[in-house]
Amino acid sequence: MRQAVWLVFGLLLLALGAQGCIRLLINHDPGALRVLPGGYVVHLGGYLAMALIGLRCARHNRVQPDPKNDPYR
């Protein structure tokens, strides 16, 4: 159960980070990271960091099937 929570958290971070990065690149709208000082490069780095952290959480905490209960094995 704990792995599923981290998986969902990672996927949410990945989606928000990717959406924010694309929005910033196309529309130059800082969105949720507007409160960060520093301008365009800092906002872009923040969204990239959010997406990469989300990817790391999602990949690290994948729910693995139990081989003992696998009917196809």
PDB file of N, CA and C in Angstrom:
ATOM      1  N   MET A   1       0.819  -1.193   0.000  1.00  0.00           N
ATOM      2  CA  MET A   1       0.000   0.000   0.000  1.00  0.00           C
ATOM      3  C   MET A   1       0.861   1.254   0.000  1.00  0.00           C
ATOM      4  N   ARG A   2       1.940   1.213   0.789  1.00  0.00           N
ATOM      5  CA  ARG A   2       2.824   2.371   0.866  1.00  0.00           C
ATOM      6  C   ARG A   2       3.452   2.669  -0.493  1.00  0.00           C
ATOM      7  N   GLN A   3       3.771   1.613  -1.240  1.00  0.00           N
ATOM      8  CA  GLN A   3       4.364   1.812  -2.558  1.00  0.00           C
ATOM      9  C   GLN A   3       3.386   2.468  -3.509  1.00  0.00           C
ATOM     10  N   ALA A   4       2.122   2.130  -3.397  1.00  0.00           N
ATOM     11  CA  ALA A   4       1.115   2.721  -4.282  1.00  0.00           C
ATOM     12  C   ALA A   4       0.948   4.213  -3.987  1.00  0.00           C
ATOM     13  N   VAL A   5       1.033   4.590  -2.722  1.00  0.00           N
ATOM     14  CA  VAL A   5       0.912   6.010  -2.364  1.00  0.00           C
ATOM     15  C   VAL A   5       2.080   6.797  -2.952  1.00  0.00           C
ATOM     16  N   TRP A   6       3.283   6.268  -2.832  1.00  0.00           N
ATOM     17  CA  TRP A   6       4.451   6.956  -3.396  1.00  0.00           C
ATOM     18  C   TRP A   6       4.398   6.979  -4.920  1.00  0.00           C
ATOM     19  N   LEU A   7       3.845   5.929  -5.512  1.00  0.00           N
ATOM     20  CA  LEU A   7       3.695   5.879  -6.957  1.00  0.00           C
ATOM     21  C   LEU A   7       2.754   6.979  -7.436  1.00  0.00           C
ATOM     22  N   VAL A   8       1.620   7.128  -6.780  1.00  0.00           N
ATOM     23  CA  VAL A   8       0.658   8.170  -7.151  1.00  0.00           C
ATOM     24  C   VAL A   8       1.253   9.553  -6.911  1.00  0.00           C
ATOM     25  N   PHE A   9       1.954   9.738  -5.790  1.00  0.00           N
ATOM     26  CA  PHE A   9       2.608  11.014  -5.509  1.00  0.00           C
ATOM     27  C   PHE A   9       3.636  11.356  -6.586  1.00  0.00           C
ATOM     28  N   GLY A  10       4.425  10.378  -6.985  1.00  0.00           N
ATOM     29  CA  GLY A  10       5.420  10.604  -8.028  1.00  0.00           C
ATOM     30  C   GLY A  10       4.792  10.940  -9.367  1.00  0.00           C
ATOM     31  N   LEU A  11       3.709  10.255  -9.715  1.00  0.00           N
ATOM     32  CA  LEU A  11       3.044  10.535 -10.984  1.00  0.00           C
ATOM     33  C   LEU A  11       2.405  11.923 -10.991  1.00  0.00           C
ATOM     34  N   LEU A  12       1.856  12.344  -9.842  1.00  0.00           N
ATOM     35  CA  LEU A  12       1.315  13.704  -9.755  1.00  0.00           C
ATOM     36  C   LEU A  12       2.410  14.755  -9.928  1.00  0.00           C
ATOM     37  N   LEU A  13       3.535  14.549  -9.249  1.00  0.00           N
ATOM     38  CA  LEU A  13       4.654  15.488  -9.403  1.00  0.00           C
ATOM     39  C   LEU A  13       5.153  15.517 -10.843  1.00  0.00           C
ATOM     40  N   LEU A  14       5.242  14.360 -11.452  1.00  0.00           N
ATOM     41  CA  LEU A  14       5.698  14.284 -12.837  1.00  0.00           C
ATOM     42  C   LEU A  14       4.747  15.033 -13.761  1.00  0.00           C
ATOM     43  N   ALA A  15       3.459  14.835 -13.582  1.00  0.00           N
ATOM     44  CA  ALA A  15       2.475  15.498 -14.445  1.00  0.00           C
ATOM     45  C   ALA A  15       2.486  17.012 -14.243  1.00  0.00           C
ATOM     46  N   LEU A  16       2.523  17.452 -12.988  1.00  0.00           N
ATOM     47  CA  LEU A  16       2.530  18.895 -12.725  1.00  0.00           C
ATOM     48  C   LEU A  16       3.821  19.557 -13.210  1.00  0.00           C
ATOM     49  N   GLY A  17       4.939  18.876 -13.026  1.00  0.00           N
ATOM     50  CA  GLY A  17       6.209  19.428 -13.479  1.00  0.00           C
ATOM     51  C   GLY A  17       6.291  19.511 -14.997  1.00  0.00           C
ATOM     52  N   ALA A  18       5.833  18.474 -15.681  1.00  0.00           N
ATOM     53  CA  ALA A  18       5.865  18.485 -17.145  1.00  0.00           C
ATOM     54  C   ALA A  18       4.900  19.525 -17.709  1.00  0.00           C
ATOM     55  N   GLN A  19       3.704  19.607 -17.128  1.00  0.00           N
ATOM     56  CA  GLN A  19       2.733  20.595 -17.603  1.00  0.00           C
ATOM     57  C   GLN A  19       3.247  22.012 -17.378  1.00  0.00           C
ATOM     58  N   GLY A  20       3.826  22.273 -16.210  1.00  0.00           N
ATOM     59  CA  GLY A  20       4.359  23.593 -15.930  1.00  0.00           C
ATOM     60  C   GLY A  20       5.520  23.959 -16.835  1.00  0.00           C
ATOM     61  N   CYS A  21       6.378  22.987 -17.126  1.00  0.00           N
ATOM     62  CA  CYS A  21       7.512  23.233 -18.009  1.00  0.00           C
ATOM     63  C   CYS A  21       7.042  23.556 -19.425  1.00  0.00           C
ATOM     64  N   ILE A  22       6.080  22.797 -19.917  1.00  0.00           N
ATOM     65  CA  ILE A  22       5.559  23.063 -21.265  1.00  0.00           C
ATOM     66  C   ILE A  22       4.857  24.409 -21.313  1.00  0.00           C
ATOM     67  N   ARG A  23       4.078  24.720 -20.263  1.00  0.00           N
ATOM     68  CA  ARG A  23       3.383  26.013 -20.217  1.00  0.00           C
ATOM     69  C   ARG A  23       4.386  27.167 -20.193  1.00  0.00           C
ATOM     70  N   LEU A  24       5.467  26.988 -19.456  1.00  0.00           N
ATOM     71  CA  LEU A  24       6.470  28.047 -19.373  1.00  0.00           C
ATOM     72  C   LEU A  24       7.196  28.214 -20.704  1.00  0.00           C
ATOM     73  N   LEU A  25       7.505  27.119 -21.381  1.00  0.00           N
ATOM     74  CA  LEU A  25       8.211  27.206 -22.653  1.00  0.00           C
ATOM     75  C   LEU A  25       7.345  27.825 -23.760  1.00  0.00           C
ATOM     76  N   ILE A  26       6.058  27.500 -23.778  1.00  0.00           N
ATOM     77  CA  ILE A  26       5.191  27.973 -24.854  1.00  0.00           C
ATOM     78  C   ILE A  26       4.579  29.328 -24.550  1.00  0.00           C
ATOM     79  N   ASN A  27       4.050  29.484 -23.342  1.00  0.00           N
ATOM     80  CA  ASN A  27       3.256  30.665 -23.025  1.00  0.00           C
ATOM     81  C   ASN A  27       3.987  31.671 -22.127  1.00  0.00           C
ATOM     82  N   HIS A  28       5.136  31.319 -21.589  1.00  0.00           N
ATOM     83  CA  HIS A  28       5.914  32.154 -20.663  1.00  0.00           C
ATOM     84  C   HIS A  28       5.100  32.536 -19.432  1.00  0.00           C
ATOM     85  N   ASP A  29       4.223  31.618 -18.983  1.00  0.00           N
ATOM     86  CA  ASP A  29       3.426  31.819 -17.780  1.00  0.00           C
ATOM     87  C   ASP A  29       4.035  30.970 -16.670  1.00  0.00           C
ATOM     88  N   PRO A  30       4.543  31.570 -15.592  1.00  0.00           N
ATOM     89  CA  PRO A  30       5.210  30.788 -14.555  1.00  0.00           C
ATOM     90  C   PRO A  30       4.288  29.889 -13.744  1.00  0.00           C
ATOM     91  N   GLY A  31       2.997  30.149 -13.748  1.00  0.00           N
ATOM     92  CA  GLY A  31       2.040  29.264 -13.086  1.00  0.00           C
ATOM     93  C   GLY A  31       2.252  29.167 -11.593  1.00  0.00           C
ATOM     94  N   ALA A  32       2.308  27.941 -11.068  1.00  0.00           N
ATOM     95  CA  ALA A  32       2.376  27.708  -9.627  1.00  0.00           C
ATOM     96  C   ALA A  32       3.698  28.168  -9.017  1.00  0.00           C
ATOM     97  N   LEU A  33       4.763  28.191  -9.782  1.00  0.00           N
ATOM     98  CA  LEU A  33       6.061  28.608  -9.241  1.00  0.00           C
ATOM     99  C   LEU A  33       6.306  30.103  -9.405  1.00  0.00           C
ATOM    100  N   ARG A  34       5.258  30.858  -9.560  1.00  0.00           N
ATOM    101  CA  ARG A  34       5.367  32.311  -9.730  1.00  0.00           C
ATOM    102  C   ARG A  34       5.973  32.978  -8.508  1.00  0.00           C
ATOM    103  N   VAL A  35       5.855  32.364  -7.328  1.00  0.00           N
ATOM    104  CA  VAL A  35       6.362  32.963  -6.099  1.00  0.00           C
ATOM    105  C   VAL A  35       7.885  32.848  -5.972  1.00  0.00           C
ATOM    106  N   LEU A  36       8.505  31.999  -6.791  1.00  0.00           N
ATOM    107  CA  LEU A  36       9.971  31.878  -6.739  1.00  0.00           C
ATOM    108  C   LEU A  36      10.633  33.104  -7.358  1.00  0.00           C
ATOM    109  N   PRO A  37      11.577  33.713  -6.647  1.00  0.00           N
ATOM    110  CA  PRO A  37      12.305  34.819  -7.261  1.00  0.00           C
ATOM    111  C   PRO A  37      13.365  34.282  -8.222  1.00  0.00           C
ATOM    112  N   GLY A  38      13.705  35.060  -9.208  1.00  0.00           N
ATOM    113  CA  GLY A  38      14.788  34.657 -10.088  1.00  0.00           C
ATOM    114  C   GLY A  38      14.451  34.658 -11.555  1.00  0.00           C
ATOM    115  N   GLY A  39      13.199  34.621 -11.901  1.00  0.00           N
ATOM    116  CA  GLY A  39      12.843  34.733 -13.302  1.00  0.00           C
ATOM    117  C   GLY A  39      12.691  33.417 -14.025  1.00  0.00           C
ATOM    118  N   TYR A  40      12.837  33.508 -15.340  1.00  0.00           N
ATOM    119  CA  TYR A  40      12.520  32.425 -16.268  1.00  0.00           C
ATOM    120  C   TYR A  40      13.358  31.170 -16.013  1.00  0.00           C
ATOM    121  N   VAL A  41      14.656  31.338 -15.834  1.00  0.00           N
ATOM    122  CA  VAL A  41      15.545  30.179 -15.690  1.00  0.00           C
ATOM    123  C   VAL A  41      15.258  29.436 -14.381  1.00  0.00           C
ATOM    124  N   VAL A  42      14.979  30.167 -13.322  1.00  0.00           N
ATOM    125  CA  VAL A  42      14.677  29.538 -12.037  1.00  0.00           C
ATOM    126  C   VAL A  42      13.347  28.799 -12.104  1.00  0.00           C
ATOM    127  N   HIS A  43      12.356  29.396 -12.752  1.00  0.00           N
ATOM    128  CA  HIS A  43      11.059  28.730 -12.898  1.00  0.00           C
ATOM    129  C   HIS A  43      11.206  27.462 -13.730  1.00  0.00           C
ATOM    130  N   LEU A  44      11.945  27.525 -14.806  1.00  0.00           N
ATOM    131  CA  LEU A  44      12.159  26.352 -15.653  1.00  0.00           C
ATOM    132  C   LEU A  44      12.894  25.259 -14.884  1.00  0.00           C
ATOM    133  N   GLY A  45      13.913  25.638 -14.144  1.00  0.00           N
ATOM    134  CA  GLY A  45      14.640  24.661 -13.327  1.00  0.00           C
ATOM    135  C   GLY A  45      13.769  24.043 -12.248  1.00  0.00           C
ATOM    136  N   GLY A  46      12.884  24.837 -11.665  1.00  0.00           N
ATOM    137  CA  GLY A  46      11.973  24.312 -10.649  1.00  0.00           C
ATOM    138  C   GLY A  46      11.013  23.289 -11.217  1.00  0.00           C
ATOM    139  N   TYR A  47      10.458  23.572 -12.385  1.00  0.00           N
ATOM    140  CA  TYR A  47       9.548  22.617 -13.014  1.00  0.00           C
ATOM    141  C   TYR A  47      10.288  21.360 -13.461  1.00  0.00           C
ATOM    142  N   LEU A  48      11.494  21.516 -13.978  1.00  0.00           N
ATOM    143  CA  LEU A  48      12.275  20.339 -14.368  1.00  0.00           C
ATOM    144  C   LEU A  48      12.627  19.489 -13.151  1.00  0.00           C
ATOM    145  N   ALA A  49      12.999  20.142 -12.052  1.00  0.00           N
ATOM    146  CA  ALA A  49      13.313  19.408 -10.828  1.00  0.00           C
ATOM    147  C   ALA A  49      12.080  18.677 -10.308  1.00  0.00           C
ATOM    148  N   MET A  50      10.912  19.344 -10.368  1.00  0.00           N
ATOM    149  CA  MET A  50       9.676  18.709  -9.919  1.00  0.00           C
ATOM    150  C   MET A  50       9.374  17.481 -10.764  1.00  0.00           C
ATOM    151  N   ALA A  51       9.546  17.589 -12.071  1.00  0.00           N
ATOM    152  CA  ALA A  51       9.271  16.458 -12.963  1.00  0.00           C
ATOM    153  C   ALA A  51      10.263  15.316 -12.723  1.00  0.00           C
ATOM    154  N   LEU A  52      11.522  15.632 -12.530  1.00  0.00           N
ATOM    155  CA  LEU A  52      12.523  14.582 -12.315  1.00  0.00           C
ATOM    156  C   LEU A  52      12.358  13.896 -10.967  1.00  0.00           C
ATOM    157  N   ILE A  53      11.999  14.653  -9.932  1.00  0.00           N
ATOM    158  CA  ILE A  53      11.741  14.045  -8.627  1.00  0.00           C
ATOM    159  C   ILE A  53      10.515  13.143  -8.708  1.00  0.00           C
ATOM    160  N   GLY A  54       9.489  13.598  -9.415  1.00  0.00           N
ATOM    161  CA  GLY A  54       8.308  12.763  -9.595  1.00  0.00           C
ATOM    162  C   GLY A  54       8.615  11.498 -10.361  1.00  0.00           C
ATOM    163  N   LEU A  55       9.454  11.603 -11.389  1.00  0.00           N
ATOM    164  CA  LEU A  55       9.844  10.421 -12.149  1.00  0.00           C
ATOM    165  C   LEU A  55      10.617   9.446 -11.267  1.00  0.00           C
ATOM    166  N   ARG A  56      11.492   9.972 -10.451  1.00  0.00           N
ATOM    167  CA  ARG A  56      12.287   9.128  -9.555  1.00  0.00           C
ATOM    168  C   ARG A  56      11.396   8.408  -8.544  1.00  0.00           C
ATOM    169  N   CYS A  57      10.448   9.135  -7.957  1.00  0.00           N
ATOM    170  CA  CYS A  57       9.525   8.516  -6.990  1.00  0.00           C
ATOM    171  C   CYS A  57       8.669   7.455  -7.663  1.00  0.00           C
ATOM    172  N   ALA A  58       8.175   7.742  -8.847  1.00  0.00           N
ATOM    173  CA  ALA A  58       7.309   6.797  -9.537  1.00  0.00           C
ATOM    174  C   ALA A  58       8.075   5.549  -9.962  1.00  0.00           C
ATOM    175  N   ARG A  59       9.297   5.695 -10.427  1.00  0.00           N
ATOM    176  CA  ARG A  59      10.066   4.532 -10.873  1.00  0.00           C
ATOM    177  C   ARG A  59      10.567   3.705  -9.702  1.00  0.00           C
ATOM    178  N   HIS A  60      10.952   4.371  -8.631  1.00  0.00           N
ATOM    179  CA  HIS A  60      11.518   3.662  -7.487  1.00  0.00           C
ATOM    180  C   HIS A  60      10.455   2.876  -6.718  1.00  0.00           C
ATOM    181  N   ASN A  61       9.245   3.384  -6.682  1.00  0.00           N
ATOM    182  CA  ASN A  61       8.195   2.772  -5.869  1.00  0.00           C
ATOM    183  C   ASN A  61       7.127   2.105  -6.706  1.00  0.00           C
ATOM    184  N   ARG A  62       7.515   1.477  -7.801  1.00  0.00           N
ATOM    185  CA  ARG A  62       6.562   0.710  -8.605  1.00  0.00           C
ATOM    186  C   ARG A  62       6.029  -0.446  -7.783  1.00  0.00           C
ATOM    187  N   VAL A  63       4.800  -0.760  -8.016  1.00  0.00           N
ATOM    188  CA  VAL A  63       4.204  -1.913  -7.355  1.00  0.00           C
ATOM    189  C   VAL A  63       4.620  -3.155  -8.145  1.00  0.00           C
ATOM    190  N   GLN A  64       5.366  -4.028  -7.487  1.00  0.00           N
ATOM    191  CA  GLN A  64       5.873  -5.235  -8.130  1.00  0.00           C
ATOM    192  C   GLN A  64       4.913  -6.392  -7.870  1.00  0.00           C
ATOM    193  N   PRO A  65       4.631  -7.208  -8.873  1.00  0.00           N
ATOM    194  CA  PRO A  65       3.765  -8.369  -8.640  1.00  0.00           C
ATOM    195  C   PRO A  65       4.469  -9.410  -7.770  1.00  0.00           C
ATOM    196  N   ASP A  66       3.687 -10.136  -7.029  1.00  0.00           N
ATOM    197  CA  ASP A  66       4.220 -11.192  -6.179  1.00  0.00           C
ATOM    198  C   ASP A  66       4.359 -12.463  -7.008  1.00  0.00           C
ATOM    199  N   PRO A  67       5.565 -12.993  -7.177  1.00  0.00           N
ATOM    200  CA  PRO A  67       5.743 -14.180  -8.027  1.00  0.00           C
ATOM    201  C   PRO A  67       5.044 -15.421  -7.467  1.00  0.00           C
ATOM    202  N   LYS A  68       4.782 -15.475  -6.172  1.00  0.00           N
ATOM    203  CA  LYS A  68       4.104 -16.637  -5.595  1.00  0.00           C
ATOM    204  C   LYS A  68       2.647 -16.711  -6.040  1.00  0.00           C
ATOM    205  N   ASN A  69       2.040 -15.545  -6.302  1.00  0.00           N
ATOM    206  CA  ASN A  69       0.629 -15.512  -6.679  1.00  0.00           C
ATOM    207  C   ASN A  69       0.424 -15.316  -8.176  1.00  0.00           C
ATOM    208  N   ASP A  70       1.460 -15.518  -8.962  1.00  0.00           N
ATOM    209  CA  ASP A  70       1.358 -15.331 -10.401  1.00  0.00           C
ATOM    210  C   ASP A  70       0.799 -16.599 -11.050  1.00  0.00           C
ATOM    211  N   PRO A  71      -0.413 -16.546 -11.620  1.00  0.00           N
ATOM    212  CA  PRO A  71      -0.986 -17.764 -12.192  1.00  0.00           C
ATOM    213  C   PRO A  71      -0.328 -18.174 -13.505  1.00  0.00           C
ATOM    214  N   TYR A  72       0.424 -17.299 -14.146  1.00  0.00           N
ATOM    215  CA  TYR A  72       1.030 -17.595 -15.452  1.00  0.00           C
ATOM    216  C   TYR A  72       2.451 -18.100 -15.322  1.00  0.00           C
ATOM    217  N   ARG A  73       2.913 -18.306 -14.125  1.00  0.00           N
ATOM    218  CA  ARG A  73       4.293 -18.735 -13.936  1.00  0.00           C
ATOM    219  C   ARG A  73       4.383 -20.210 -13.754  1.00  0.00           C
TER     220      ARG A  73
END
